[in-house]
N, C-alpha and C. Protein backbone atom coordinates (compact mmCIF):
# COMPACT_ATOMS: atom_id res chain seq x y z
N MET A 1 -27.08 80.77 24.10
CA MET A 1 -26.09 79.76 23.53
C MET A 1 -27.11 79.36 22.55
N THR A 2 -25.86 79.69 21.68
CA THR A 2 -26.26 79.23 19.80
C THR A 2 -26.44 77.53 20.11
N ASP A 3 -27.08 76.89 18.45
CA ASP A 3 -26.57 75.75 18.70
C ASP A 3 -25.22 75.52 18.45
N SER A 4 -24.70 76.13 17.64
CA SER A 4 -22.83 75.80 17.68
C SER A 4 -22.12 76.05 18.63
N GLN A 5 -22.44 76.71 19.73
CA GLN A 5 -21.93 77.04 20.66
C GLN A 5 -21.83 75.68 21.47
N THR A 6 -23.12 74.90 21.83
CA THR A 6 -23.19 74.21 22.34
C THR A 6 -22.72 72.92 21.57
N ASP A 7 -22.46 72.38 20.60
CA ASP A 7 -21.68 71.27 19.74
C ASP A 7 -20.41 71.63 20.13
N SER A 8 -19.94 72.72 20.19
CA SER A 8 -18.24 72.84 20.19
C SER A 8 -17.91 72.78 21.88
N MET A 9 -19.01 72.95 22.95
CA MET A 9 -18.82 72.41 24.32
C MET A 9 -18.60 71.05 24.81
N HIS A 10 -19.64 70.68 23.82
CA HIS A 10 -20.00 69.11 24.28
C HIS A 10 -18.87 68.12 24.21
N VAL A 11 -18.64 67.53 25.34
CA VAL A 11 -17.10 66.66 25.72
C VAL A 11 -17.68 65.31 25.54
N PRO A 12 -16.84 64.16 25.11
CA PRO A 12 -16.64 63.16 25.00
C PRO A 12 -16.99 62.59 26.40
N ASP A 13 -17.98 61.17 26.30
CA ASP A 13 -18.07 60.47 27.67
C ASP A 13 -16.76 59.84 28.18
N PRO A 14 -16.19 59.58 29.18
CA PRO A 14 -14.76 59.32 29.34
C PRO A 14 -14.39 57.92 29.57
N ARG A 15 -15.97 57.20 29.83
CA ARG A 15 -16.08 56.01 29.88
C ARG A 15 -15.92 55.25 28.93
N PRO A 16 -15.25 54.02 28.65
CA PRO A 16 -15.48 53.21 27.64
C PRO A 16 -17.07 52.62 27.25
N PRO A 17 -17.11 52.47 25.86
CA PRO A 17 -18.42 51.77 25.80
C PRO A 17 -18.89 50.55 26.53
N ASN A 18 -19.65 50.11 26.95
CA ASN A 18 -19.76 48.69 27.63
C ASN A 18 -20.31 47.55 26.61
N ARG A 19 -19.20 46.57 26.52
CA ARG A 19 -19.19 45.93 25.49
C ARG A 19 -19.78 44.37 26.32
N THR A 20 -20.13 43.76 27.64
CA THR A 20 -20.92 43.22 28.15
C THR A 20 -21.89 42.50 27.45
N PRO A 21 -23.00 43.13 26.61
CA PRO A 21 -24.15 42.90 25.86
C PRO A 21 -23.80 41.59 24.85
N ALA A 22 -22.80 42.55 24.13
CA ALA A 22 -22.37 41.78 23.13
C ALA A 22 -21.38 40.53 23.33
N ILE A 23 -20.76 40.38 24.52
CA ILE A 23 -19.61 39.67 24.83
C ILE A 23 -20.71 38.15 25.12
N ILE A 24 -21.53 38.54 25.58
CA ILE A 24 -22.42 37.68 26.33
C ILE A 24 -23.28 36.80 25.20
N GLY A 25 -23.44 38.15 24.18
CA GLY A 25 -24.43 37.07 22.98
C GLY A 25 -23.38 36.11 22.33
N PHE A 26 -22.29 36.68 22.02
CA PHE A 26 -21.41 35.67 21.22
C PHE A 26 -20.96 34.55 21.84
N LEU A 27 -21.13 34.74 23.18
CA LEU A 27 -21.18 33.51 23.73
C LEU A 27 -21.97 32.45 24.11
N ILE A 28 -23.46 32.93 23.87
CA ILE A 28 -24.62 32.32 23.44
C ILE A 28 -24.63 31.78 22.35
N ALA A 29 -24.15 32.95 21.43
CA ALA A 29 -24.40 32.30 19.79
C ALA A 29 -23.14 30.94 19.72
N GLY A 30 -21.94 30.86 20.44
CA GLY A 30 -21.28 30.04 20.41
C GLY A 30 -21.87 28.74 20.96
N GLY A 31 -22.34 28.66 21.93
CA GLY A 31 -22.90 27.87 22.86
C GLY A 31 -23.78 26.72 22.07
N LEU A 32 -24.64 27.72 21.46
CA LEU A 32 -25.74 27.26 20.65
C LEU A 32 -24.92 26.77 19.24
N ILE A 33 -24.08 27.24 18.46
CA ILE A 33 -23.70 26.79 17.67
C ILE A 33 -23.23 24.77 17.93
N LEU A 34 -22.03 25.52 18.64
CA LEU A 34 -21.69 24.07 19.72
C LEU A 34 -22.67 23.05 19.57
N GLY A 35 -23.45 23.34 20.66
CA GLY A 35 -24.74 22.51 21.01
C GLY A 35 -25.59 21.56 19.73
N VAL A 36 -25.70 22.30 18.98
CA VAL A 36 -26.47 22.07 17.44
C VAL A 36 -25.37 20.79 17.02
N SER A 37 -24.38 21.42 16.74
CA SER A 37 -23.12 20.54 16.33
C SER A 37 -22.80 18.93 16.63
N PHE A 38 -22.99 19.01 18.37
CA PHE A 38 -23.11 18.17 18.48
C PHE A 38 -24.39 17.29 18.27
N PHE A 39 -25.45 17.97 18.71
CA PHE A 39 -26.91 17.15 18.25
C PHE A 39 -26.43 16.22 16.67
N VAL A 40 -26.03 17.45 15.71
CA VAL A 40 -26.18 16.79 14.17
C VAL A 40 -25.06 15.43 14.39
N THR A 41 -23.87 15.69 14.88
CA THR A 41 -22.74 14.97 14.86
C THR A 41 -23.59 13.38 15.36
N ARG A 42 -24.09 13.79 16.45
CA ARG A 42 -25.00 12.28 17.41
C ARG A 42 -25.55 11.49 16.44
N LEU A 43 -26.59 12.71 15.81
CA LEU A 43 -27.79 11.65 15.01
C LEU A 43 -27.20 11.06 13.91
N ASP A 44 -25.79 11.66 13.26
CA ASP A 44 -25.20 11.08 12.19
C ASP A 44 -24.77 9.85 12.54
N SER A 45 -23.71 9.99 13.60
CA SER A 45 -23.11 8.49 14.15
C SER A 45 -24.01 7.52 14.28
N ASP A 46 -25.46 7.68 15.12
CA ASP A 46 -26.14 7.02 15.01
C ASP A 46 -26.87 6.28 13.58
N SER A 47 -26.75 6.73 12.55
CA SER A 47 -27.35 5.99 11.21
C SER A 47 -26.20 5.21 10.65
N TYR A 48 -25.46 4.77 11.58
CA TYR A 48 -24.26 3.86 10.65
C TYR A 48 -24.13 2.70 11.98
N ASP A 49 -25.32 2.35 12.48
CA ASP A 49 -24.87 1.32 13.52
C ASP A 49 -24.56 -0.07 12.31
N ASP A 50 -24.98 -0.36 11.45
CA ASP A 50 -24.96 -1.55 10.56
C ASP A 50 -24.06 -1.31 8.96
N VAL A 51 -22.61 -0.93 9.56
CA VAL A 51 -21.48 -0.90 8.22
C VAL A 51 -21.74 -1.82 7.58
N PRO A 52 -22.03 -2.28 5.96
CA PRO A 52 -22.33 -3.31 5.40
C PRO A 52 -20.57 -3.70 5.37
N PRO A 53 -20.36 -5.06 5.38
CA PRO A 53 -18.83 -5.74 5.42
C PRO A 53 -18.72 -5.63 4.19
N ILE A 54 -17.21 -5.13 3.84
CA ILE A 54 -16.65 -5.44 1.81
C ILE A 54 -15.72 -6.17 2.47
N SER A 55 -15.40 -7.20 1.22
CA SER A 55 -14.58 -7.88 1.26
C SER A 55 -13.54 -8.02 0.00
N ILE A 56 -12.48 -8.13 0.16
CA ILE A 56 -11.45 -8.25 -1.32
C ILE A 56 -11.14 -9.38 -1.57
N LEU A 57 -11.46 -10.00 -2.62
CA LEU A 57 -11.48 -11.37 -3.25
C LEU A 57 -10.22 -11.09 -4.45
N ALA A 58 -9.65 -10.03 -4.71
CA ALA A 58 -8.14 -10.17 -5.52
C ALA A 58 -7.77 -8.54 -5.46
N PRO A 59 -6.46 -8.43 -5.50
CA PRO A 59 -5.92 -9.31 -4.98
C PRO A 59 -5.84 -10.04 -3.69
N ALA A 60 -4.86 -10.96 -3.53
CA ALA A 60 -4.41 -11.83 -2.15
C ALA A 60 -3.02 -10.71 -1.72
N SER A 61 -3.54 -10.47 -0.83
CA SER A 61 -2.48 -10.33 0.43
C SER A 61 -1.00 -10.81 0.35
N GLY A 62 -0.18 -10.15 -0.44
CA GLY A 62 1.40 -10.86 -0.37
C GLY A 62 1.67 -10.80 -2.23
N ASP A 63 0.43 -10.25 -3.28
CA ASP A 63 0.39 -10.32 -4.36
C ASP A 63 1.29 -9.36 -4.89
N THR A 64 2.00 -9.82 -6.32
CA THR A 64 2.79 -8.65 -6.94
C THR A 64 1.75 -8.73 -8.07
N VAL A 65 1.25 -7.16 -8.52
CA VAL A 65 0.98 -6.57 -9.11
C VAL A 65 1.36 -5.21 -10.05
N THR A 66 0.47 -5.38 -11.13
CA THR A 66 1.48 -4.39 -11.90
C THR A 66 0.34 -3.10 -12.08
N ASN A 67 0.32 -1.99 -12.66
CA ASN A 67 -0.35 -0.80 -12.62
C ASN A 67 -1.46 -1.41 -14.34
N PRO A 68 -2.35 -0.76 -14.53
CA PRO A 68 -3.18 -0.31 -13.22
C PRO A 68 -3.86 -1.33 -12.31
N VAL A 69 -3.60 -0.96 -11.04
CA VAL A 69 -4.06 -2.05 -9.93
C VAL A 69 -5.82 -2.19 -9.69
N THR A 70 -6.17 -3.39 -9.85
CA THR A 70 -7.36 -3.26 -9.61
C THR A 70 -7.74 -4.24 -8.90
N ILE A 71 -8.79 -3.84 -7.67
CA ILE A 71 -9.57 -4.42 -6.60
C ILE A 71 -10.75 -5.18 -7.21
N GLU A 72 -10.91 -6.29 -6.73
CA GLU A 72 -12.07 -7.12 -7.05
C GLU A 72 -12.61 -7.20 -5.63
N PHE A 73 -13.65 -6.97 -5.12
CA PHE A 73 -14.40 -6.69 -3.70
C PHE A 73 -15.88 -7.22 -4.02
N ARG A 74 -16.50 -7.70 -2.99
CA ARG A 74 -18.03 -8.09 -3.15
C ARG A 74 -18.48 -7.38 -1.33
N THR A 75 -19.48 -6.78 -1.57
CA THR A 75 -20.54 -6.27 -0.46
C THR A 75 -21.93 -6.78 -0.23
N SER A 76 -22.14 -6.71 0.68
CA SER A 76 -23.98 -7.24 0.77
C SER A 76 -24.57 -5.62 0.10
N ALA A 77 -24.08 -4.69 0.53
CA ALA A 77 -24.55 -3.15 0.04
C ALA A 77 -25.23 -3.36 -0.91
N ASP A 78 -26.40 -2.59 -1.41
CA ASP A 78 -26.78 -2.23 -2.54
C ASP A 78 -26.18 -1.01 -3.46
N LEU A 79 -25.02 -1.16 -3.95
CA LEU A 79 -24.04 -0.50 -4.41
C LEU A 79 -24.11 0.22 -5.93
N HIS A 80 -24.40 1.67 -5.88
CA HIS A 80 -25.05 2.23 -7.13
C HIS A 80 -24.36 3.71 -7.26
N PHE A 81 -24.27 4.12 -8.26
CA PHE A 81 -23.58 5.47 -8.42
C PHE A 81 -24.59 6.56 -8.40
N ASP A 82 -24.43 7.51 -7.68
CA ASP A 82 -25.11 8.52 -7.47
C ASP A 82 -24.21 10.00 -7.99
N THR A 83 -24.89 10.35 -8.62
CA THR A 83 -24.18 11.68 -9.42
C THR A 83 -23.47 12.57 -8.58
N ALA A 84 -23.97 13.08 -7.33
CA ALA A 84 -23.90 13.77 -6.32
C ALA A 84 -23.06 13.25 -5.22
N MET A 85 -22.79 11.71 -4.89
CA MET A 85 -22.15 11.46 -3.93
C MET A 85 -21.18 10.43 -4.34
N GLY A 86 -21.06 9.90 -5.67
CA GLY A 86 -20.30 8.75 -6.38
C GLY A 86 -20.84 7.56 -5.48
N TRP A 87 -19.70 6.64 -5.50
CA TRP A 87 -20.66 5.63 -5.36
C TRP A 87 -21.36 5.14 -3.80
N MET A 88 -22.29 4.70 -3.99
CA MET A 88 -22.77 4.84 -2.87
C MET A 88 -23.64 3.23 -2.41
N ALA A 89 -24.06 3.51 -1.05
CA ALA A 89 -25.13 2.00 -0.55
C ALA A 89 -25.55 3.00 0.59
N SER A 90 -26.84 2.99 0.40
CA SER A 90 -28.07 3.87 1.56
C SER A 90 -27.45 5.06 1.40
N ASP A 91 -27.08 5.64 2.54
CA ASP A 91 -26.65 7.27 2.77
C ASP A 91 -24.74 6.78 3.18
N LEU A 92 -24.14 5.82 2.84
CA LEU A 92 -22.92 5.48 2.98
C LEU A 92 -21.82 5.78 1.25
N HIS A 93 -20.78 6.17 1.35
CA HIS A 93 -20.05 5.86 0.11
C HIS A 93 -18.59 5.48 0.09
N LEU A 94 -18.57 4.84 -0.77
CA LEU A 94 -16.90 4.13 -0.82
C LEU A 94 -15.75 4.67 -0.56
N HIS A 95 -14.63 4.55 -0.05
CA HIS A 95 -13.52 4.93 -0.38
C HIS A 95 -12.35 3.85 -0.16
N ALA A 96 -11.12 4.18 -0.78
CA ALA A 96 -10.00 3.20 -0.44
C ALA A 96 -9.10 4.03 0.27
N ILE A 97 -8.59 2.90 1.05
CA ILE A 97 -7.21 3.79 1.70
C ILE A 97 -6.01 2.88 1.01
N VAL A 98 -5.11 3.64 0.30
CA VAL A 98 -4.18 2.96 0.09
C VAL A 98 -2.53 4.10 1.14
N ASP A 99 -1.76 2.69 1.77
CA ASP A 99 -1.32 3.35 2.77
C ASP A 99 -1.88 4.62 3.34
N SER A 100 -1.70 5.64 3.16
CA SER A 100 -2.44 6.83 4.02
C SER A 100 -3.26 7.80 3.60
N VAL A 101 -3.16 7.75 1.68
CA VAL A 101 -4.18 8.39 1.13
C VAL A 101 -5.12 7.64 1.13
N GLU A 102 -6.06 8.56 1.00
CA GLU A 102 -7.57 8.23 1.10
C GLU A 102 -7.83 8.48 -0.59
N ILE A 103 -8.87 7.53 -1.13
CA ILE A 103 -9.31 7.63 -2.85
C ILE A 103 -10.73 7.17 -2.94
N MET A 104 -11.16 8.11 -3.45
CA MET A 104 -12.70 8.17 -3.88
C MET A 104 -13.14 7.68 -5.60
N PRO A 105 -13.90 6.97 -5.43
CA PRO A 105 -13.54 6.37 -7.02
C PRO A 105 -14.30 7.04 -8.19
N ALA A 106 -13.95 7.62 -9.03
CA ALA A 106 -14.91 8.05 -10.26
C ALA A 106 -16.28 6.88 -10.70
N ALA A 107 -16.94 7.38 -11.33
CA ALA A 107 -17.59 6.71 -11.86
C ALA A 107 -17.20 5.61 -12.83
N ALA A 108 -16.48 5.53 -13.60
CA ALA A 108 -15.49 4.88 -14.64
C ALA A 108 -14.66 3.66 -13.78
N ASP A 109 -14.46 4.33 -12.19
CA ASP A 109 -13.44 3.30 -11.67
C ASP A 109 -13.97 2.05 -11.01
N ILE A 110 -15.45 2.11 -10.68
CA ILE A 110 -15.85 0.67 -10.53
C ILE A 110 -16.61 0.05 -11.60
N ALA A 111 -17.05 -0.96 -11.96
CA ALA A 111 -17.74 -2.05 -12.39
C ALA A 111 -17.76 -2.98 -12.13
N ALA A 112 -19.43 -3.15 -12.22
CA ALA A 112 -19.95 -4.68 -12.11
C ALA A 112 -19.47 -6.07 -12.19
N GLN A 113 -19.04 -7.21 -11.73
CA GLN A 113 -19.21 -7.90 -12.23
C GLN A 113 -19.93 -9.26 -11.46
N GLU A 114 -19.76 -10.47 -12.15
CA GLU A 114 -20.76 -11.63 -11.61
C GLU A 114 -20.30 -11.91 -10.57
N SER A 115 -19.20 -11.79 -10.13
CA SER A 115 -18.63 -12.27 -7.95
C SER A 115 -18.87 -11.00 -7.50
N GLY A 116 -19.44 -9.59 -7.90
CA GLY A 116 -18.99 -8.37 -7.34
C GLY A 116 -18.68 -7.09 -7.85
N TRP A 117 -17.43 -6.85 -7.61
CA TRP A 117 -17.08 -5.34 -8.20
C TRP A 117 -15.55 -5.04 -8.45
N THR A 118 -15.50 -4.49 -9.29
CA THR A 118 -13.89 -4.44 -9.81
C THR A 118 -13.51 -2.83 -9.76
N TRP A 119 -12.28 -2.90 -8.86
CA TRP A 119 -12.31 -0.88 -8.51
C TRP A 119 -10.98 -0.70 -9.30
N GLN A 120 -10.35 -0.33 -10.51
CA GLN A 120 -9.46 0.32 -11.02
C GLN A 120 -8.94 1.26 -10.35
N LEU A 121 -7.96 1.20 -9.30
CA LEU A 121 -7.34 2.46 -8.82
C LEU A 121 -6.05 3.19 -9.35
N PRO A 122 -5.85 4.52 -9.14
CA PRO A 122 -5.04 5.41 -10.11
C PRO A 122 -3.67 4.82 -9.95
N THR A 123 -2.78 5.40 -10.53
CA THR A 123 -1.75 4.35 -10.63
C THR A 123 -0.64 4.50 -9.36
N LEU A 124 -0.19 3.29 -8.98
CA LEU A 124 0.82 3.55 -7.41
C LEU A 124 2.23 3.31 -8.02
N GLY A 125 3.02 4.11 -6.84
CA GLY A 125 4.23 3.65 -7.31
C GLY A 125 4.85 2.32 -6.75
N ALA A 126 5.66 1.77 -7.55
CA ALA A 126 6.36 0.57 -7.34
C ALA A 126 6.83 0.57 -6.04
N GLY A 127 6.65 -0.68 -5.46
CA GLY A 127 6.80 -1.12 -4.37
C GLY A 127 5.98 -1.45 -3.16
N ASN A 128 6.41 -1.76 -2.15
CA ASN A 128 4.99 -2.06 -1.16
C ASN A 128 3.81 -1.20 -0.94
N HIS A 129 2.40 -1.99 -0.92
CA HIS A 129 1.16 -1.03 -0.41
C HIS A 129 0.31 -1.48 0.47
N ARG A 130 -0.15 -1.20 1.17
CA ARG A 130 -0.91 -2.22 2.07
C ARG A 130 -2.51 -0.72 2.13
N LEU A 131 -3.50 -1.68 1.90
CA LEU A 131 -5.07 -1.08 1.43
C LEU A 131 -5.69 -1.85 1.60
N TYR A 132 -7.15 -0.70 2.12
CA TYR A 132 -8.04 -1.33 2.32
C TYR A 132 -9.65 -0.74 1.96
N LEU A 133 -10.69 -1.05 2.05
CA LEU A 133 -11.63 -0.25 1.68
C LEU A 133 -12.18 0.26 2.71
N THR A 134 -13.27 1.13 2.64
CA THR A 134 -14.18 1.34 3.79
C THR A 134 -15.36 2.56 3.22
N TRP A 135 -16.52 2.41 3.89
CA TRP A 135 -17.26 3.24 3.84
C TRP A 135 -16.79 4.80 4.99
N ALA A 136 -17.79 5.80 4.05
CA ALA A 136 -17.54 6.83 4.53
C ALA A 136 -19.23 7.43 4.83
N GLY A 137 -19.22 8.15 5.66
CA GLY A 137 -20.89 9.01 5.66
C GLY A 137 -20.82 10.02 5.32
N ARG A 138 -21.65 10.69 5.67
CA ARG A 138 -21.96 12.11 5.27
C ARG A 138 -21.15 12.92 5.53
N HIS A 139 -20.34 13.27 6.16
CA HIS A 139 -19.35 14.13 6.70
C HIS A 139 -17.88 13.61 6.52
N HIS A 140 -18.18 12.57 5.62
CA HIS A 140 -16.78 12.35 4.88
C HIS A 140 -15.90 11.28 5.95
N GLY A 141 -16.56 11.15 7.09
CA GLY A 141 -15.82 10.45 8.32
C GLY A 141 -15.59 8.95 7.99
N ASN A 142 -14.32 8.23 8.19
CA ASN A 142 -14.22 6.97 7.40
C ASN A 142 -14.93 5.80 8.61
N LEU A 143 -15.88 5.12 8.44
CA LEU A 143 -16.56 3.89 8.95
C LEU A 143 -15.99 2.60 8.51
N ARG A 144 -15.14 2.29 8.91
CA ARG A 144 -14.33 0.99 8.94
C ARG A 144 -14.99 0.08 8.54
N GLY A 145 -15.54 -0.69 10.07
CA GLY A 145 -16.55 -1.46 9.58
C GLY A 145 -15.56 -2.66 9.25
N GLN A 146 -16.59 -4.14 8.92
CA GLN A 146 -15.89 -5.33 8.69
C GLN A 146 -15.00 -4.81 7.14
N THR A 147 -14.32 -5.31 7.21
CA THR A 147 -13.06 -4.99 6.08
C THR A 147 -11.94 -5.74 5.99
N ASP A 148 -11.59 -6.16 4.67
CA ASP A 148 -9.99 -6.47 4.36
C ASP A 148 -9.19 -5.60 4.45
N THR A 149 -7.74 -5.98 5.13
CA THR A 149 -6.42 -5.23 4.86
C THR A 149 -5.86 -5.87 3.84
N ILE A 150 -5.03 -5.97 2.87
CA ILE A 150 -4.08 -6.43 2.05
C ILE A 150 -2.68 -5.74 1.56
N GLY A 151 -1.72 -6.50 1.47
CA GLY A 151 -0.69 -5.86 1.44
C GLY A 151 -0.17 -6.14 -0.14
N VAL A 152 0.35 -5.74 -0.99
CA VAL A 152 0.34 -6.01 -2.18
C VAL A 152 1.87 -5.14 -2.55
N TYR A 153 2.26 -5.67 -3.89
CA TYR A 153 3.70 -5.32 -4.14
C TYR A 153 3.20 -4.99 -5.59
N VAL A 154 3.52 -3.67 -5.90
CA VAL A 154 3.45 -2.76 -7.21
C VAL A 154 4.54 -3.41 -7.90
N ALA A 155 4.49 -4.18 -8.99
CA ALA A 155 6.11 -4.29 -10.01
C ALA A 155 6.23 -3.69 -10.85
N ARG A 156 7.44 -2.59 -11.11
CA ARG A 156 7.80 -1.29 -12.07
C ARG A 156 7.86 -2.49 -13.45
N PRO A 157 7.26 -2.00 -14.41
CA PRO A 157 7.36 -2.69 -15.60
C PRO A 157 8.57 -2.66 -15.80
N PRO A 158 9.15 -4.08 -16.88
CA PRO A 158 10.61 -3.97 -17.40
C PRO A 158 10.87 -2.83 -18.52
N ASP A 159 9.97 -2.49 -19.11
CA ASP A 159 10.58 -1.06 -20.01
C ASP A 159 10.53 0.44 -19.16
N ALA A 160 9.97 0.30 -18.18
CA ALA A 160 10.07 1.76 -17.26
C ALA A 160 11.16 1.98 -16.66
N GLU A 161 11.65 3.11 -16.54
CA GLU A 161 12.54 4.06 -16.27
C GLU A 161 12.15 3.97 -14.80
N PRO A 162 13.34 3.81 -14.05
CA PRO A 162 13.12 4.05 -12.71
C PRO A 162 12.78 5.52 -12.28
N THR A 163 12.08 5.60 -11.66
CA THR A 163 11.52 6.97 -10.97
C THR A 163 11.80 7.34 -9.10
N LEU A 164 11.86 8.33 -8.55
CA LEU A 164 12.25 8.50 -7.30
C LEU A 164 10.82 8.31 -6.51
N GLN A 165 10.15 8.39 -7.09
CA GLN A 165 8.36 7.92 -6.38
C GLN A 165 8.63 6.67 -6.00
N ASP A 166 9.51 5.61 -6.96
CA ASP A 166 9.12 3.78 -6.40
C ASP A 166 11.26 3.96 -5.93
N GLY A 167 11.28 4.73 -5.20
CA GLY A 167 12.34 4.17 -4.53
C GLY A 167 13.67 3.94 -5.17
N SER A 168 13.85 3.83 -6.58
CA SER A 168 14.75 3.51 -7.28
C SER A 168 15.40 4.58 -7.60
N GLN A 169 16.75 4.30 -7.76
CA GLN A 169 17.95 5.08 -8.62
C GLN A 169 18.32 4.93 -9.99
N HIS A 170 18.56 6.10 -10.41
CA HIS A 170 19.33 6.24 -12.10
C HIS A 170 20.75 5.67 -12.02
N HIS A 171 20.91 4.99 -12.72
CA HIS A 171 22.10 4.62 -13.06
C HIS A 171 23.15 5.07 -14.14
């Protein structure tokens, strides 16, 4: 028989390929990834035992305010601006929660004052809003710690047209 005759007589193996080693490999790799992520998360959460308190000095809860809403606050933390992470203290960074919306400050939003800091928030719709400040870790998980929660009413300027955002109706 010639080589060409041998090739034409070759019959494929009817048995399916053995996938067990690949499946076991994927399970081991998945287990390792899960284990490492658990370990890293555990290390991350351990580093935040002492979250510095944040006190909101103004506005007071129940105040009526206008845009731009500015929060005056104080913290014992060494707050500074980091170009990569934003407003930081140690390995924590600052967030504001307005209703259920999370806001990170831009460089120009926060300014040092004699009594602490001010944070100018983005424009808020007219109406009632609940807000508080919080620290977040490296993975952006909020670490509320000791902070004040306030409720304010944002008034619509008298010369502004009502909008759907503030719940008013056009007449």
